[in-house]
Protein backbone atom coordinates (compact mmCIF):
# COMPACT_ATOMS: atom_id res chain seq x y z
CA MET A 1 20.74 6.12 -0.42
CA SER A 2 17.57 5.86 0.44
CA LYS A 3 15.88 4.54 3.28
CA THR A 4 12.74 2.26 4.02
CA VAL A 5 10.32 3.43 6.30
CA THR A 6 9.33 0.65 8.46
CA ARG A 7 6.44 0.29 11.35
CA ALA A 8 8.96 1.18 13.86
CA ASP A 9 9.66 4.26 11.86
CA LEU A 10 6.18 5.27 11.70
CA SER A 11 5.19 4.33 15.54
CA GLU A 12 8.37 6.85 16.65
CA ALA A 13 6.85 9.58 14.56
CA VAL A 14 3.40 9.17 16.34
CA TYR A 15 5.28 9.06 19.48
CA GLN A 16 7.41 12.48 18.70
CA GLU A 17 4.33 14.28 17.00
CA VAL A 18 1.41 12.99 19.38
CA GLY A 19 2.62 12.59 22.22
CA LEU A 20 1.48 9.09 23.26
CA SER A 21 3.44 6.76 24.90
CA ARG A 22 5.90 4.15 22.50
CA ASN A 23 3.66 1.08 23.05
CA GLU A 24 0.36 3.26 22.10
CA SER A 25 1.99 5.10 19.21
CA ALA A 26 2.89 1.14 17.88
CA GLN A 27 -0.64 0.08 18.82
CA LEU A 28 -2.16 2.86 16.90
CA VAL A 29 -0.21 2.37 14.19
CA GLU A 30 -0.83 -1.23 13.62
CA VAL A 31 -4.80 -0.30 14.40
CA ILE A 32 -4.84 1.85 10.95
CA LEU A 33 -2.71 -0.60 9.03
CA GLU A 34 -4.90 -3.54 9.88
CA GLU A 35 -8.39 -1.17 8.95
CA ILE A 36 -6.82 -0.46 5.60
CA ALA A 37 -5.46 -4.39 5.18
CA ASP A 38 -9.25 -5.45 6.61
CA ALA A 39 -10.83 -2.83 3.69
CA LEU A 40 -8.79 -4.15 0.58
CA VAL A 41 -9.50 -7.79 1.89
CA GLN A 42 -13.18 -7.18 1.85
CA GLY A 43 -12.85 -5.42 -1.94
CA GLN A 44 -13.26 -1.85 -0.92
CA ASN A 45 -10.84 0.59 -2.17
CA VAL A 46 -9.32 2.87 0.68
CA LYS A 47 -8.67 6.72 -0.42
CA LEU A 48 -6.54 8.98 2.13
CA SER A 49 -7.10 12.51 1.28
CA SER A 50 -4.31 14.33 0.42
CA PHE A 51 -2.11 11.12 0.05
CA GLY A 52 -3.68 8.84 -2.07
CA SER A 53 -5.88 5.37 -3.00
CA PHE A 54 -5.23 1.66 -2.86
CA LEU A 55 -7.55 0.31 -5.66
CA LEU A 56 -8.07 -3.06 -6.00
CA ARG A 57 -7.84 -4.38 -9.66
CA ASP A 58 -9.23 -7.98 -10.98
CA LYS A 59 -7.22 -9.25 -13.63
CA ASN A 60 -8.61 -11.74 -16.33
CA GLY A 61 -6.72 -15.03 -16.82
CA ARG A 62 -4.73 -15.36 -19.89
CA VAL A 63 -2.12 -17.48 -21.53
CA GLY A 64 1.60 -16.44 -20.66
CA ARG A 65 4.97 -17.49 -22.38
CA ASN A 66 8.09 -19.03 -20.25
CA PRO A 67 10.71 -16.68 -21.72
CA LYS A 68 13.32 -19.55 -21.01
CA THR A 69 11.31 -22.34 -22.55
CA GLY A 70 8.95 -20.29 -24.76
CA GLU A 71 6.28 -22.65 -23.19
CA GLU A 72 2.69 -21.57 -22.74
CA VAL A 73 1.64 -21.25 -19.48
CA PRO A 74 -2.04 -20.44 -18.22
CA ILE A 75 -2.06 -17.38 -15.78
CA ASP A 76 -5.20 -17.73 -13.54
CA PRO A 77 -7.34 -14.56 -13.07
CA ARG A 78 -6.63 -12.42 -9.85
CA ARG A 79 -6.97 -9.50 -8.11
CA VAL A 80 -4.16 -6.92 -7.80
CA LEU A 81 -3.48 -3.85 -5.51
CA VAL A 82 -2.54 -0.81 -6.97
CA PHE A 83 -1.64 2.48 -5.48
CA ARG A 84 -2.32 5.78 -7.17
CA PRO A 85 -1.00 8.94 -5.69
CA SER A 86 -3.31 11.95 -5.24
CA GLN A 87 -2.12 15.10 -7.15
CA LEU A 88 -0.66 16.93 -3.87
CA MET A 89 1.34 13.93 -3.32
CA ARG A 90 2.98 13.85 -6.96
CA ASP A 91 3.50 17.59 -6.70
CA ARG A 92 5.16 17.32 -3.17
CA VAL A 93 7.48 14.21 -4.35
CA ASN A 94 8.62 16.29 -7.63
CA GLY A 95 9.30 19.35 -5.26
CA ASP A 96 6.32 21.59 -6.89
């Protein structure tokens, strides 16, 4: 069974590895995540070397179809967030 890594897990790892207090570790994780989120909200891509990139893509509006009724439904233009892992991360996940 797979486990999901949470903010608490990240701050615990910072606490164990860096030696900051638990409170400081949690604050550090929050600040980093907030910086990433703020950059994305401002329309900037975020690249974390040896990890991957968070990219923003603009999707055009289009006509979709309700699969149950077959009725056509307009889908508004929107911005989507995409994560692209680095080659190092892909190799690491694949055990290379």
